[in-house]
């Protein structure tokens, strides 16, 4: 649990550390003021990243994706399709969807081993795709954040060069410095959020890879057990 906590801490600290320019201790309010409107977009992206991390921590677990208890129930009650179908209906895990697809195919009168295997394999692949799609949002944050920071860089440089190119007034160093400060703060903020988001995405990518492997193993076991029922002349629950 402490490992997960330390993974979250950089997100909470990234913006205050992003741009300590001339001040020894820049606050979040100072960074928001110097970084301009783009910083609000980066702050929103960092908030989204933190919410996604919490969501993944609590949802990407074996007891939610492929509960061992559900697999045990299947082994005990696999011959009673009606009971097993009701158990899967009350369970919203991906493994329950895999079992339900097998039961639905097994109830068909012309069910064969190949048809049963294909149905379970297709549903397993579909559920695995949903898991990969779920963590894709964190990668999107990692990709968008540096681009938003680059936008702030361009806006800041436009402000600085706009002050230099003014013909009617003498350019003030403070105006130029404000533009450069905006450019540096937004660039650093976007890069920090993007880098940390990509690091955490890599961690959850490894977790999803393990969960998908567990789901595939359970699906193969279910396919073998159901194929034995498909070979019998009478199927329970019909």
C-alpha atoms as a PDB file:
ATOM      1  CA  UNK A   1       0.000   0.000   0.000  1.00  0.00           C
ATOM      2  CA  UNK A   2       2.889   2.368   0.756  1.00  0.00           C
ATOM      3  CA  UNK A   3       4.298   1.655  -2.699  1.00  0.00           C
ATOM      4  CA  UNK A   4       1.059   2.840  -4.281  1.00  0.00           C
ATOM      5  CA  UNK A   5       1.053   5.903  -2.049  1.00  0.00           C
ATOM      6  CA  UNK A   6       4.510   6.935  -3.157  1.00  0.00           C
ATOM      7  CA  UNK A   7       3.459   6.502  -6.775  1.00  0.00           C
ATOM      8  CA  UNK A   8       0.766   9.114  -6.212  1.00  0.00           C
ATOM      9  CA  UNK A   9       2.889  11.640  -4.372  1.00  0.00           C
ATOM     10  CA  UNK A  10       4.727  13.024  -7.445  1.00  0.00           C
ATOM     11  CA  UNK A  11       1.399  14.047  -8.983  1.00  0.00           C
ATOM     12  CA  UNK A  12       0.498  16.055  -5.902  1.00  0.00           C
ATOM     13  CA  UNK A  13       3.892  17.705  -5.855  1.00  0.00           C
ATOM     14  CA  UNK A  14       4.602  18.187  -9.560  1.00  0.00           C
ATOM     15  CA  UNK A  15       3.195  21.680 -10.015  1.00  0.00           C
ATOM     16  CA  UNK A  16       4.890  23.334  -7.013  1.00  0.00           C
ATOM     17  CA  UNK A  17       8.210  21.863  -8.158  1.00  0.00           C
ATOM     18  CA  UNK A  18       7.704  22.701 -11.793  1.00  0.00           C
ATOM     19  CA  UNK A  19       9.061  26.242 -11.832  1.00  0.00           C
ATOM     20  CA  UNK A  20      10.942  27.701  -8.939  1.00  0.00           C
ATOM     21  CA  UNK A  21      12.348  30.579 -10.985  1.00  0.00           C
ATOM     22  CA  UNK A  22      13.670  33.473  -8.902  1.00  0.00           C
ATOM     23  CA  UNK A  23      11.737  32.771  -5.718  1.00  0.00           C
ATOM     24  CA  UNK A  24      13.151  30.171  -3.332  1.00  0.00           C
ATOM     25  CA  UNK A  25       9.695  28.703  -2.579  1.00  0.00           C
ATOM     26  CA  UNK A  26       7.035  29.209  -5.240  1.00  0.00           C
ATOM     27  CA  UNK A  27       3.492  28.397  -4.205  1.00  0.00           C
ATOM     28  CA  UNK A  28       0.823  26.925  -6.409  1.00  0.00           C
ATOM     29  CA  UNK A  29      -0.891  30.300  -6.548  1.00  0.00           C
ATOM     30  CA  UNK A  30       2.310  31.949  -7.783  1.00  0.00           C
ATOM     31  CA  UNK A  31       2.743  29.345 -10.482  1.00  0.00           C
ATOM     32  CA  UNK A  32      -0.872  29.670 -11.607  1.00  0.00           C
ATOM     33  CA  UNK A  33      -0.502  33.455 -11.820  1.00  0.00           C
ATOM     34  CA  UNK A  34       2.831  33.434 -13.659  1.00  0.00           C
ATOM     35  CA  UNK A  35       1.925  30.543 -15.942  1.00  0.00           C
ATOM     36  CA  UNK A  36      -1.257  32.135 -17.204  1.00  0.00           C
ATOM     37  CA  UNK A  37      -4.482  30.427 -18.354  1.00  0.00           C
ATOM     38  CA  UNK A  38      -2.634  27.391 -19.714  1.00  0.00           C
ATOM     39  CA  UNK A  39      -1.749  26.418 -16.149  1.00  0.00           C
ATOM     40  CA  UNK A  40      -5.430  25.851 -15.384  1.00  0.00           C
ATOM     41  CA  UNK A  41      -5.553  23.311 -18.193  1.00  0.00           C
ATOM     42  CA  UNK A  42      -2.450  21.596 -16.809  1.00  0.00           C
ATOM     43  CA  UNK A  43      -3.930  21.629 -13.327  1.00  0.00           C
ATOM     44  CA  UNK A  44      -7.064  19.956 -14.680  1.00  0.00           C
ATOM     45  CA  UNK A  45      -4.973  17.323 -16.475  1.00  0.00           C
ATOM     46  CA  UNK A  46      -3.026  16.587 -13.288  1.00  0.00           C
ATOM     47  CA  UNK A  47      -6.322  16.225 -11.401  1.00  0.00           C
ATOM     48  CA  UNK A  48      -7.584  13.791 -14.046  1.00  0.00           C
ATOM     49  CA  UNK A  49      -4.355  11.805 -13.776  1.00  0.00           C
ATOM     50  CA  UNK A  50      -4.656  11.519  -9.981  1.00  0.00           C
ATOM     51  CA  UNK A  51      -8.300  10.418 -10.256  1.00  0.00           C
ATOM     52  CA  UNK A  52      -7.371   7.787 -12.844  1.00  0.00           C
ATOM     53  CA  UNK A  53      -4.569   6.459 -10.643  1.00  0.00           C
ATOM     54  CA  UNK A  54      -6.928   6.033  -7.694  1.00  0.00           C
ATOM     55  CA  UNK A  55      -9.493   4.373  -9.952  1.00  0.00           C
ATOM     56  CA  UNK A  56      -6.939   1.942 -11.379  1.00  0.00           C
ATOM     57  CA  UNK A  57      -5.591   1.049  -7.944  1.00  0.00           C
ATOM     58  CA  UNK A  58      -9.011  -0.019  -6.712  1.00  0.00           C
ATOM     59  CA  UNK A  59     -10.381  -1.533  -9.950  1.00  0.00           C
ATOM     60  CA  UNK A  60      -7.429  -3.340 -11.530  1.00  0.00           C
ATOM     61  CA  UNK A  61      -7.300  -6.225  -9.075  1.00  0.00           C
ATOM     62  CA  UNK A  62      -7.550  -9.956  -9.553  1.00  0.00           C
ATOM     63  CA  UNK A  63     -10.563 -10.284  -7.237  1.00  0.00           C
ATOM     64  CA  UNK A  64     -12.438  -7.844  -9.472  1.00  0.00           C
ATOM     65  CA  UNK A  65     -11.261  -8.925 -12.924  1.00  0.00           C
ATOM     66  CA  UNK A  66     -11.063 -12.704 -12.486  1.00  0.00           C
ATOM     67  CA  UNK A  67     -12.287 -13.582  -8.974  1.00  0.00           C
ATOM     68  CA  UNK A  68     -10.892 -16.938  -7.792  1.00  0.00           C
ATOM     69  CA  UNK A  69     -14.120 -17.438  -5.828  1.00  0.00           C
ATOM     70  CA  UNK A  70     -16.143 -17.298  -9.056  1.00  0.00           C
ATOM     71  CA  UNK A  71     -13.881 -19.887 -10.659  1.00  0.00           C
ATOM     72  CA  UNK A  72     -14.363 -22.107  -7.604  1.00  0.00           C
ATOM     73  CA  UNK A  73     -18.143 -21.758  -7.870  1.00  0.00           C
ATOM     74  CA  UNK A  74     -17.954 -22.684 -11.532  1.00  0.00           C
ATOM     75  CA  UNK A  75     -16.017 -25.858 -10.747  1.00  0.00           C
ATOM     76  CA  UNK A  76     -18.596 -26.824  -8.122  1.00  0.00           C
ATOM     77  CA  UNK A  77     -21.782 -25.971 -10.044  1.00  0.00           C
ATOM     78  CA  UNK A  78     -20.777 -26.178 -13.687  1.00  0.00           C
ATOM     79  CA  UNK A  79     -23.266 -28.960 -14.371  1.00  0.00           C
ATOM     80  CA  UNK A  80     -26.191 -26.759 -13.318  1.00  0.00           C
ATOM     81  CA  UNK A  81     -26.253 -24.142 -16.039  1.00  0.00           C
ATOM     82  CA  UNK A  82     -29.222 -22.236 -14.632  1.00  0.00           C
ATOM     83  CA  UNK A  83     -27.568 -21.716 -11.254  1.00  0.00           C
ATOM     84  CA  UNK A  84     -24.262 -20.817 -12.854  1.00  0.00           C
ATOM     85  CA  UNK A  85     -25.964 -18.357 -15.215  1.00  0.00           C
ATOM     86  CA  UNK A  86     -27.608 -16.609 -12.260  1.00  0.00           C
ATOM     87  CA  UNK A  87     -24.306 -16.413 -10.398  1.00  0.00           C
ATOM     88  CA  UNK A  88     -22.672 -14.791 -13.427  1.00  0.00           C
ATOM     89  CA  UNK A  89     -25.592 -12.422 -13.822  1.00  0.00           C
ATOM     90  CA  UNK A  90     -25.082 -11.175 -10.263  1.00  0.00           C
ATOM     91  CA  UNK A  91     -21.338 -10.794 -10.844  1.00  0.00           C
ATOM     92  CA  UNK A  92     -20.127  -7.963 -13.083  1.00  0.00           C
ATOM     93  CA  UNK A  93     -16.536  -9.170 -13.451  1.00  0.00           C
ATOM     94  CA  UNK A  94     -14.980  -9.858 -16.874  1.00  0.00           C
ATOM     95  CA  UNK A  95     -14.628 -13.530 -15.917  1.00  0.00           C
ATOM     96  CA  UNK A  96     -18.385 -13.714 -15.339  1.00  0.00           C
ATOM     97  CA  UNK A  97     -18.926 -12.401 -18.868  1.00  0.00           C
ATOM     98  CA  UNK A  98     -16.642 -15.111 -20.217  1.00  0.00           C
ATOM     99  CA  UNK A  99     -18.536 -17.837 -18.364  1.00  0.00           C
ATOM    100  CA  UNK A 100     -21.882 -16.391 -19.486  1.00  0.00           C
ATOM    101  CA  UNK A 101     -20.814 -16.492 -23.124  1.00  0.00           C
ATOM    102  CA  UNK A 102     -19.845 -20.143 -22.724  1.00  0.00           C
ATOM    103  CA  UNK A 103     -23.155 -21.013 -21.064  1.00  0.00           C
ATOM    104  CA  UNK A 104     -25.088 -19.240 -23.802  1.00  0.00           C
ATOM    105  CA  UNK A 105     -23.261 -21.204 -26.488  1.00  0.00           C
ATOM    106  CA  UNK A 106     -23.515 -24.457 -24.546  1.00  0.00           C
ATOM    107  CA  UNK A 107     -27.309 -24.169 -24.451  1.00  0.00           C
ATOM    108  CA  UNK A 108     -27.545 -24.186 -28.231  1.00  0.00           C
ATOM    109  CA  UNK A 109     -28.568 -27.603 -29.589  1.00  0.00           C
ATOM    110  CA  UNK A 110     -25.919 -27.598 -32.319  1.00  0.00           C
ATOM    111  CA  UNK A 111     -23.090 -26.576 -29.979  1.00  0.00           C
ATOM    112  CA  UNK A 112     -19.715 -28.116 -30.822  1.00  0.00           C
ATOM    113  CA  UNK A 113     -16.334 -27.902 -29.167  1.00  0.00           C
ATOM    114  CA  UNK A 114     -15.014 -25.449 -31.750  1.00  0.00           C
ATOM    115  CA  UNK A 115     -18.038 -23.176 -31.416  1.00  0.00           C
ATOM    116  CA  UNK A 116     -17.759 -23.232 -27.624  1.00  0.00           C
ATOM    117  CA  UNK A 117     -14.036 -22.567 -27.675  1.00  0.00           C
ATOM    118  CA  UNK A 118     -14.411 -19.703 -30.148  1.00  0.00           C
ATOM    119  CA  UNK A 119     -17.212 -18.090 -28.104  1.00  0.00           C
ATOM    120  CA  UNK A 120     -15.190 -18.169 -24.894  1.00  0.00           C
ATOM    121  CA  UNK A 121     -12.023 -17.018 -26.626  1.00  0.00           C
ATOM    122  CA  UNK A 122     -13.801 -14.131 -28.362  1.00  0.00           C
ATOM    123  CA  UNK A 123     -15.377 -12.925 -25.121  1.00  0.00           C
ATOM    124  CA  UNK A 124     -12.047 -13.228 -23.310  1.00  0.00           C
ATOM    125  CA  UNK A 125     -10.364 -11.131 -26.015  1.00  0.00           C
ATOM    126  CA  UNK A 126     -13.171  -8.575 -25.791  1.00  0.00           C
ATOM    127  CA  UNK A 127     -12.785  -8.253 -22.021  1.00  0.00           C
ATOM    128  CA  UNK A 128      -9.005  -7.984 -22.349  1.00  0.00           C
ATOM    129  CA  UNK A 129      -9.449  -5.208 -24.895  1.00  0.00           C
ATOM    130  CA  UNK A 130     -11.646  -3.325 -22.438  1.00  0.00           C
ATOM    131  CA  UNK A 131      -8.936  -3.533 -19.793  1.00  0.00           C
ATOM    132  CA  UNK A 132      -6.333  -2.137 -22.177  1.00  0.00           C
ATOM    133  CA  UNK A 133      -8.729   0.583 -23.266  1.00  0.00           C
ATOM    134  CA  UNK A 134      -9.349   1.505 -19.634  1.00  0.00           C
ATOM    135  CA  UNK A 135      -5.749   2.513 -18.954  1.00  0.00           C
ATOM    136  CA  UNK A 136      -5.436   4.280 -22.308  1.00  0.00           C
ATOM    137  CA  UNK A 137      -6.836   7.451 -20.729  1.00  0.00           C
ATOM    138  CA  UNK A 138      -3.744   7.841 -18.569  1.00  0.00           C
ATOM    139  CA  UNK A 139      -1.541   7.591 -21.637  1.00  0.00           C
ATOM    140  CA  UNK A 140      -3.695  10.262 -23.287  1.00  0.00           C
ATOM    141  CA  UNK A 141      -2.970  12.575 -20.362  1.00  0.00           C
ATOM    142  CA  UNK A 142       0.748  11.808 -20.724  1.00  0.00           C
ATOM    143  CA  UNK A 143       0.643  12.740 -24.412  1.00  0.00           C
ATOM    144  CA  UNK A 144      -1.574  15.826 -24.146  1.00  0.00           C
ATOM    145  CA  UNK A 145       0.165  17.467 -21.161  1.00  0.00           C
ATOM    146  CA  UNK A 146       3.478  18.289 -22.923  1.00  0.00           C
ATOM    147  CA  UNK A 147       1.536  19.610 -25.904  1.00  0.00           C
ATOM    148  CA  UNK A 148      -0.464  21.924 -23.638  1.00  0.00           C
ATOM    149  CA  UNK A 149       2.800  23.010 -22.009  1.00  0.00           C
ATOM    150  CA  UNK A 150       4.202  23.752 -25.460  1.00  0.00           C
ATOM    151  CA  UNK A 151       1.149  25.879 -26.174  1.00  0.00           C
ATOM    152  CA  UNK A 152       1.919  27.882 -23.036  1.00  0.00           C
ATOM    153  CA  UNK A 153       5.497  28.257 -24.279  1.00  0.00           C
ATOM    154  CA  UNK A 154       4.302  29.722 -27.554  1.00  0.00           C
ATOM    155  CA  UNK A 155       1.888  32.083 -25.803  1.00  0.00           C
ATOM    156  CA  UNK A 156       4.625  33.258 -23.447  1.00  0.00           C
ATOM    157  CA  UNK A 157       7.076  33.905 -26.273  1.00  0.00           C
ATOM    158  CA  UNK A 158       4.416  35.758 -28.242  1.00  0.00           C
ATOM    159  CA  UNK A 159       3.881  37.991 -25.227  1.00  0.00           C
ATOM    160  CA  UNK A 160       7.614  38.678 -24.911  1.00  0.00           C
ATOM    161  CA  UNK A 161       8.205  39.384 -28.591  1.00  0.00           C
ATOM    162  CA  UNK A 162       5.019  41.428 -28.688  1.00  0.00           C
ATOM    163  CA  UNK A 163       6.498  43.718 -26.053  1.00  0.00           C
ATOM    164  CA  UNK A 164       9.765  43.969 -27.996  1.00  0.00           C
ATOM    165  CA  UNK A 165       8.033  44.797 -31.270  1.00  0.00           C
ATOM    166  CA  UNK A 166       5.847  47.577 -29.858  1.00  0.00           C
ATOM    167  CA  UNK A 167       6.713  50.814 -31.649  1.00  0.00           C
ATOM    168  CA  UNK A 168       4.951  53.370 -29.473  1.00  0.00           C
ATOM    169  CA  UNK A 169       6.348  52.342 -26.108  1.00  0.00           C
ATOM    170  CA  UNK A 170       9.697  51.372 -24.734  1.00  0.00           C
ATOM    171  CA  UNK A 171       9.615  47.659 -23.878  1.00  0.00           C
ATOM    172  CA  UNK A 172       9.799  47.039 -20.157  1.00  0.00           C
ATOM    173  CA  UNK A 173      12.036  44.222 -18.938  1.00  0.00           C
ATOM    174  CA  UNK A 174       9.280  43.082 -16.587  1.00  0.00           C
ATOM    175  CA  UNK A 175       6.881  42.434 -19.461  1.00  0.00           C
ATOM    176  CA  UNK A 176       9.510  40.446 -21.337  1.00  0.00           C
ATOM    177  CA  UNK A 177      10.395  38.505 -18.200  1.00  0.00           C
ATOM    178  CA  UNK A 178       6.734  37.685 -17.586  1.00  0.00           C
ATOM    179  CA  UNK A 179       6.418  36.153 -21.027  1.00  0.00           C
ATOM    180  CA  UNK A 180       9.580  34.108 -20.631  1.00  0.00           C
ATOM    181  CA  UNK A 181       8.478  33.027 -17.160  1.00  0.00           C
ATOM    182  CA  UNK A 182       5.137  31.863 -18.551  1.00  0.00           C
ATOM    183  CA  UNK A 183       6.916  29.912 -21.286  1.00  0.00           C
ATOM    184  CA  UNK A 184       9.254  28.145 -18.859  1.00  0.00           C
ATOM    185  CA  UNK A 185       6.615  27.392 -16.218  1.00  0.00           C
ATOM    186  CA  UNK A 186       4.108  25.892 -18.646  1.00  0.00           C
ATOM    187  CA  UNK A 187       6.798  23.889 -20.411  1.00  0.00           C
ATOM    188  CA  UNK A 188       8.086  22.439 -17.141  1.00  0.00           C
ATOM    189  CA  UNK A 189       4.572  21.777 -15.859  1.00  0.00           C
ATOM    190  CA  UNK A 190       3.517  19.978 -19.026  1.00  0.00           C
ATOM    191  CA  UNK A 191       6.671  17.865 -19.135  1.00  0.00           C
ATOM    192  CA  UNK A 192       6.485  16.870 -15.470  1.00  0.00           C
ATOM    193  CA  UNK A 193       2.839  15.838 -15.702  1.00  0.00           C
ATOM    194  CA  UNK A 194       3.491  13.991 -18.960  1.00  0.00           C
ATOM    195  CA  UNK A 195       6.579  12.151 -17.699  1.00  0.00           C
ATOM    196  CA  UNK A 196       5.006  11.103 -14.412  1.00  0.00           C
ATOM    197  CA  UNK A 197       1.804  10.041 -16.153  1.00  0.00           C
ATOM    198  CA  UNK A 198       3.798   7.879 -18.559  1.00  0.00           C
ATOM    199  CA  UNK A 199       5.728   6.279 -15.697  1.00  0.00           C
ATOM    200  CA  UNK A 200       2.546   5.390 -13.839  1.00  0.00           C
ATOM    201  CA  UNK A 201       0.945   4.232 -17.098  1.00  0.00           C
ATOM    202  CA  UNK A 202       3.850   1.816 -17.575  1.00  0.00           C
ATOM    203  CA  UNK A 203       3.237   0.456 -14.074  1.00  0.00           C
ATOM    204  CA  UNK A 204      -0.459  -0.157 -14.721  1.00  0.00           C
ATOM    205  CA  UNK A 205       0.312  -1.549 -18.159  1.00  0.00           C
ATOM    206  CA  UNK A 206       2.331  -4.259 -16.439  1.00  0.00           C
ATOM    207  CA  UNK A 207      -0.511  -4.884 -14.000  1.00  0.00           C
ATOM    208  CA  UNK A 208      -3.059  -5.180 -16.816  1.00  0.00           C
ATOM    209  CA  UNK A 209      -0.751  -7.538 -18.668  1.00  0.00           C
ATOM    210  CA  UNK A 210      -0.709  -9.810 -15.618  1.00  0.00           C
ATOM    211  CA  UNK A 211      -4.473  -9.600 -15.205  1.00  0.00           C
ATOM    212  CA  UNK A 212      -5.037 -10.434 -18.860  1.00  0.00           C
ATOM    213  CA  UNK A 213      -2.791 -13.476 -18.471  1.00  0.00           C
ATOM    214  CA  UNK A 214      -4.818 -14.599 -15.446  1.00  0.00           C
ATOM    215  CA  UNK A 215      -8.046 -14.038 -17.360  1.00  0.00           C
ATOM    216  CA  UNK A 216      -6.768 -16.048 -20.326  1.00  0.00           C
ATOM    217  CA  UNK A 217      -5.740 -18.886 -18.037  1.00  0.00           C
ATOM    218  CA  UNK A 218      -9.168 -18.944 -16.384  1.00  0.00           C
ATOM    219  CA  UNK A 219     -10.862 -18.783 -19.794  1.00  0.00           C
ATOM    220  CA  UNK A 220      -8.870 -21.758 -21.057  1.00  0.00           C
ATOM    221  CA  UNK A 221      -9.798 -23.741 -17.970  1.00  0.00           C
ATOM    222  CA  UNK A 222     -13.466 -22.859 -18.401  1.00  0.00           C
ATOM    223  CA  UNK A 223     -13.300 -23.848 -22.068  1.00  0.00           C
ATOM    224  CA  UNK A 224     -11.878 -27.267 -21.204  1.00  0.00           C
ATOM    225  CA  UNK A 225     -14.464 -27.921 -18.515  1.00  0.00           C
ATOM    226  CA  UNK A 226     -17.382 -26.795 -20.682  1.00  0.00           C
ATOM    227  CA  UNK A 227     -16.178 -28.889 -23.600  1.00  0.00           C
ATOM    228  CA  UNK A 228     -16.756 -31.941 -21.425  1.00  0.00           C
ATOM    229  CA  UNK A 229     -20.368 -30.823 -20.927  1.00  0.00           C
ATOM    230  CA  UNK A 230     -20.750 -30.195 -24.652  1.00  0.00           C
ATOM    231  CA  UNK A 231     -19.718 -33.792 -25.313  1.00  0.00           C
ATOM    232  CA  UNK A 232     -22.498 -35.176 -23.121  1.00  0.00           C
ATOM    233  CA  UNK A 233     -25.811 -36.032 -24.802  1.00  0.00           C
ATOM    234  CA  UNK A 234     -27.831 -34.053 -22.245  1.00  0.00           C
ATOM    235  CA  UNK A 235     -26.967 -30.682 -20.796  1.00  0.00           C
ATOM    236  CA  UNK A 236     -28.188 -29.659 -17.389  1.00  0.00           C
ATOM    237  CA  UNK A 237     -30.453 -26.636 -17.327  1.00  0.00           C
ATOM    238  CA  UNK A 238     -32.247 -27.291 -20.591  1.00  0.00           C
END
